[in-house]
Amino acid sequence: MFRPALAVFIRSARAIALLAFGAAAMGAHAAPASQCYGGVSKGRLAGGVRLPVAGPNFSAYSAEAIAAGRTHVHATVARIMAHAYAGALVPLPSARFVYGETGMANGGPFAPHKTHQNGLSVDFFVPVRDARGAAALPASAQNRYGYDIEFDADGRYQGYRIDFAAYAEHLYQLDLAARAHGAALALVIVDPRYMPALLSSARGPWLRKHIPFMRARPWVRHDEHYHVDFKLACAPLHAAPAGGRR
């Protein structure tokens, strides 16, 4: 007897997701086509776009970072991110996602990161829940907007816990969205301690088969965020115009 109500809910959620995708991706579609040069560790970017500040289920990690120009990506990556957030809104309407550092408008060196140089690298903060179950992220200038938070081996920090179901769902949605836009995930870096929880989630079988997780130990911990490099065709670095502009 609950099926009609459930069907209405699903249709409404899908409609909201599509609206979210359209609104968030609008800036990327309106911008000139992007071109990446070189690789994520030595590259440039032309026609980079700034990510939306927020949407129905996501937000940037820092207004100061936005003002400093540290949230630019390749236009296709922006569309993939918007598509993935919209996809996650349907199964997890209460989840809240936060993206972190991405790169500068023209790419190039991006301290303190070793990568993030050609518009194809994005840091995503782990989705969390507080003691009441509400989505929350304790980010502020005091903890470097989340980057200095230290989660334990069980994914807990003070009154917060990592929402591994949302974490896995987002990776799944990113992979689907990348494929839909003619791209792919090139590398995903997570804290090795959290792999069992991710792989035992509902999306675990997909993640195990399709996600290119980094096998080596990363040079810094990735407990509070996960790093994703996207795969797109890039021109040689020597072909990049001066300053990364067209």
Protein backbone atom coordinates (compact mmCIF):
# COMPACT_ATOMS: atom_id res chain seq x y z
CA MET A 1 0.00 0.00 0.00
CA PHE A 2 3.02 2.27 0.27
CA ARG A 3 4.13 1.77 -3.34
CA PRO A 4 2.34 4.84 -4.83
CA ALA A 5 3.87 7.15 -2.22
CA LEU A 6 7.27 5.59 -2.79
CA ALA A 7 6.97 6.09 -6.53
CA VAL A 8 6.10 9.77 -6.04
CA PHE A 9 9.09 10.18 -3.74
CA ILE A 10 11.44 8.58 -6.24
CA ARG A 11 10.17 10.74 -9.09
CA SER A 12 10.53 13.86 -6.94
CA ALA A 13 14.05 12.93 -5.88
CA ARG A 14 15.08 12.32 -9.48
CA ALA A 15 13.62 15.64 -10.55
CA ILE A 16 15.50 17.44 -7.79
CA ALA A 17 18.70 15.63 -8.78
CA LEU A 18 18.33 16.69 -12.40
CA LEU A 19 17.74 20.29 -11.35
CA ALA A 20 20.81 20.15 -9.13
CA PHE A 21 22.91 18.79 -11.96
CA GLY A 22 21.70 21.45 -14.38
CA ALA A 23 22.28 24.33 -11.99
CA ALA A 24 25.70 23.17 -10.85
CA ALA A 25 26.92 22.39 -14.35
CA MET A 26 25.63 25.62 -15.88
CA GLY A 27 28.86 27.51 -15.34
CA ALA A 28 30.92 24.72 -16.89
CA HIS A 29 28.70 24.53 -19.97
CA ALA A 30 28.79 28.31 -20.44
CA ALA A 31 32.58 28.51 -20.17
CA PRO A 32 34.96 28.08 -23.13
CA ALA A 33 36.20 24.56 -23.72
CA SER A 34 39.02 23.56 -21.41
CA GLN A 35 42.34 22.06 -22.51
CA CYS A 36 44.71 20.24 -20.20
CA TYR A 37 48.44 19.99 -20.89
CA GLY A 38 50.95 17.52 -19.53
CA GLY A 39 50.13 15.46 -16.46
CA VAL A 40 48.69 16.01 -13.02
CA SER A 41 52.19 16.34 -11.53
CA LYS A 42 53.60 18.61 -14.23
CA GLY A 43 51.00 20.37 -16.27
CA ARG A 44 48.96 23.42 -17.15
CA LEU A 45 45.33 24.23 -17.87
CA ALA A 46 43.63 26.54 -20.36
CA GLY A 47 39.97 27.49 -20.05
CA GLY A 48 39.66 26.24 -16.47
CA VAL A 49 36.34 26.80 -14.69
CA ARG A 50 35.62 27.59 -11.07
CA LEU A 51 33.44 25.05 -9.32
CA PRO A 52 30.05 26.08 -7.93
CA VAL A 53 30.19 27.28 -4.33
CA ALA A 54 27.36 24.98 -3.27
CA GLY A 55 24.42 22.90 -4.42
CA PRO A 56 21.55 20.92 -2.88
CA ASN A 57 23.86 18.28 -1.39
CA PHE A 58 27.39 19.68 -1.72
CA SER A 59 29.55 22.69 -0.91
CA ALA A 60 33.12 23.95 -1.16
CA TYR A 61 35.39 23.48 1.82
CA SER A 62 36.37 27.13 2.19
CA ALA A 63 35.16 30.54 1.04
CA GLU A 64 38.73 31.80 1.43
CA ALA A 65 40.01 29.12 -0.94
CA ILE A 66 37.43 30.13 -3.52
CA ALA A 67 38.51 33.75 -3.23
CA ALA A 68 42.13 32.66 -3.67
CA GLY A 69 41.25 30.86 -6.91
CA ARG A 70 42.02 27.36 -5.61
CA THR A 71 38.85 25.64 -6.86
CA HIS A 72 39.29 25.54 -10.64
CA VAL A 73 39.12 22.40 -12.79
CA HIS A 74 38.82 21.27 -16.39
CA ALA A 75 35.25 21.95 -17.58
CA THR A 76 34.60 18.24 -18.13
CA VAL A 77 35.64 17.49 -14.55
CA ALA A 78 33.18 20.14 -13.34
CA ARG A 79 30.42 18.44 -15.29
CA ILE A 80 31.40 15.02 -13.94
CA MET A 81 31.32 16.31 -10.38
CA ALA A 82 27.91 17.91 -10.84
CA HIS A 83 26.56 14.75 -12.45
CA ALA A 84 27.89 12.60 -9.57
CA TYR A 85 26.43 14.83 -6.86
CA ALA A 86 23.07 14.73 -8.61
CA GLY A 87 23.27 10.94 -8.81
CA ALA A 88 24.07 10.64 -5.11
CA LEU A 89 21.10 12.82 -4.17
CA VAL A 90 18.64 10.11 -5.21
CA PRO A 91 19.79 7.18 -2.98
CA LEU A 92 21.19 9.39 -0.19
CA PRO A 93 19.07 12.54 0.07
CA SER A 94 20.37 13.39 3.57
CA ALA A 95 24.08 13.01 2.77
CA ARG A 96 26.21 16.12 2.51
CA PHE A 97 29.36 16.24 0.39
CA VAL A 98 32.24 18.69 0.53
CA TYR A 99 34.92 19.13 -2.10
CA GLY A 100 38.36 20.47 -1.24
CA GLU A 101 41.40 21.67 -3.16
CA THR A 102 41.36 21.37 -6.96
CA GLY A 103 43.78 23.77 -8.69
CA MET A 104 44.34 27.21 -10.13
CA ALA A 105 42.61 28.61 -13.21
CA ASN A 106 45.75 28.15 -15.33
CA GLY A 107 47.01 25.04 -13.59
CA GLY A 108 50.70 24.77 -12.76
CA PRO A 109 52.40 24.20 -9.37
CA PHE A 110 49.89 24.06 -6.54
CA ALA A 111 51.58 23.98 -3.13
CA PRO A 112 51.52 21.97 -0.93
CA HIS A 113 50.25 19.37 -3.40
CA LYS A 114 52.46 17.34 -5.71
CA THR A 115 49.68 17.06 -8.27
CA HIS A 116 46.60 19.22 -9.08
CA GLN A 117 48.48 20.90 -11.95
CA ASN A 118 46.34 20.34 -15.06
CA GLY A 119 42.73 20.59 -13.88
CA LEU A 120 42.18 16.85 -13.48
CA SER A 121 42.80 16.44 -9.73
CA VAL A 122 40.20 16.92 -6.99
CA ASP A 123 40.24 16.39 -3.24
CA PHE A 124 36.94 15.28 -1.72
CA PHE A 125 36.40 15.42 2.02
CA VAL A 126 35.00 12.27 3.55
CA PRO A 127 31.25 12.56 4.18
CA VAL A 128 30.54 12.44 7.90
CA ARG A 129 27.72 12.23 10.41
CA ASP A 130 27.58 13.67 13.89
CA ALA A 131 26.18 12.04 17.03
CA ARG A 132 22.61 12.96 16.03
CA GLY A 133 23.06 11.33 12.64
CA ALA A 134 22.95 14.62 10.73
CA ALA A 135 25.51 15.23 8.01
CA ALA A 136 28.19 17.64 9.18
CA LEU A 137 31.84 18.54 8.67
CA PRO A 138 33.80 20.37 11.38
CA ALA A 139 35.87 22.56 9.05
CA SER A 140 37.39 25.90 10.05
CA ALA A 141 40.52 28.00 9.73
CA GLN A 142 41.77 26.41 12.95
CA ASN A 143 41.92 22.95 11.39
CA ARG A 144 42.99 24.20 7.94
CA TYR A 145 39.42 23.83 6.71
CA GLY A 146 39.37 20.12 7.45
CA TYR A 147 42.81 19.12 6.22
CA ASP A 148 44.25 18.93 9.74
CA ILE A 149 41.49 16.69 11.09
CA GLU A 150 42.78 13.28 12.14
CA PHE A 151 40.30 10.42 11.98
CA ASP A 152 41.15 7.20 13.80
CA ALA A 153 41.32 3.71 12.31
CA ASP A 154 37.56 3.33 12.77
CA GLY A 155 36.82 6.57 10.95
CA ARG A 156 35.98 8.61 14.04
CA TYR A 157 37.00 12.08 15.15
CA GLN A 158 35.55 13.53 18.34
CA GLY A 159 31.76 13.33 17.83
CA TYR A 160 31.97 12.63 14.11
CA ARG A 161 32.17 9.40 12.13
CA ILE A 162 32.83 8.78 8.47
CA ASP A 163 29.70 7.81 6.54
CA PHE A 164 31.19 4.94 4.57
CA ALA A 165 27.97 4.24 2.70
CA ALA A 166 27.96 7.80 1.34
CA TYR A 167 31.72 7.62 0.72
CA ALA A 168 31.32 4.48 -1.41
CA GLU A 169 28.23 5.85 -3.16
CA HIS A 170 30.09 8.99 -4.18
CA LEU A 171 32.96 7.00 -5.68
CA TYR A 172 30.44 4.87 -7.56
CA GLN A 173 28.65 7.96 -8.87
CA LEU A 174 31.94 9.59 -9.91
CA ASP A 175 32.85 6.52 -11.93
CA LEU A 176 29.45 6.43 -13.64
CA ALA A 177 29.55 10.16 -14.36
CA ALA A 178 33.09 10.03 -15.75
CA ARG A 179 32.08 7.26 -18.15
CA ALA A 180 29.00 9.22 -19.19
CA HIS A 181 31.18 12.18 -20.12
CA GLY A 182 33.74 10.21 -22.11
CA ALA A 183 36.32 10.22 -19.32
CA ALA A 184 37.45 7.86 -16.57
CA LEU A 185 38.91 7.78 -13.10
CA ALA A 186 42.69 7.50 -13.42
CA LEU A 187 43.61 7.17 -9.74
CA VAL A 188 41.80 7.22 -6.40
CA ILE A 189 43.75 7.63 -3.16
CA VAL A 190 42.08 6.65 0.12
CA ASP A 191 43.35 5.77 3.56
CA PRO A 192 44.23 2.03 3.34
CA ARG A 193 42.60 1.48 6.73
CA TYR A 194 39.23 2.37 5.25
CA MET A 195 39.32 -0.03 2.32
CA PRO A 196 37.56 -2.87 4.20
CA ALA A 197 34.64 -0.60 5.11
CA LEU A 198 34.34 0.71 1.55
CA LEU A 199 34.54 -2.72 -0.03
CA SER A 200 32.00 -4.19 2.39
CA SER A 201 29.45 -1.48 1.54
CA ALA A 202 26.57 -1.99 -0.89
CA ARG A 203 28.77 -0.51 -3.64
CA GLY A 204 31.75 -2.62 -2.63
CA PRO A 205 31.61 -5.12 -5.52
CA TRP A 206 31.56 -2.26 -8.05
CA LEU A 207 34.39 -0.43 -6.32
CA ARG A 208 36.51 -3.55 -6.19
CA LYS A 209 36.04 -4.17 -9.91
CA HIS A 210 36.10 -0.67 -11.37
CA ILE A 211 37.85 1.86 -9.12
CA PRO A 212 41.63 2.31 -9.68
CA PHE A 213 42.67 2.59 -6.05
CA MET A 214 46.29 3.52 -5.37
CA ARG A 215 48.19 0.42 -4.26
CA ALA A 216 51.29 2.15 -2.89
CA ARG A 217 51.21 4.05 0.38
CA PRO A 218 50.53 7.78 -0.27
CA TRP A 219 53.05 10.39 0.83
CA VAL A 220 50.50 11.94 3.20
CA ARG A 221 47.56 10.43 5.07
CA HIS A 222 44.22 10.51 3.31
CA ASP A 223 41.98 9.95 6.28
CA GLU A 224 40.00 13.21 6.09
CA HIS A 225 39.84 13.34 2.30
CA TYR A 226 40.18 11.17 -0.78
CA HIS A 227 42.06 12.26 -3.87
CA VAL A 228 40.79 11.60 -7.39
CA ASP A 229 42.69 12.06 -10.65
CA PHE A 230 40.48 12.01 -13.74
CA LYS A 231 41.57 10.64 -17.11
CA LEU A 232 41.12 12.87 -20.14
CA ALA A 233 43.16 13.38 -23.30
CA CYS A 234 45.69 16.16 -22.68
CA ALA A 235 48.03 17.93 -25.08
CA PRO A 236 51.82 17.81 -24.52
CA LEU A 237 53.03 20.28 -21.91
CA HIS A 238 55.36 22.00 -24.40
CA ALA A 239 52.26 22.96 -26.43
CA ALA A 240 50.73 24.92 -23.55
CA PRO A 241 50.42 28.68 -24.20
CA ALA A 242 52.28 30.99 -21.84
CA GLY A 243 50.47 31.32 -18.53
CA GLY A 244 48.11 28.49 -19.46
CA ARG A 245 45.84 30.84 -21.41
CA ARG A 246 44.56 30.50 -24.97
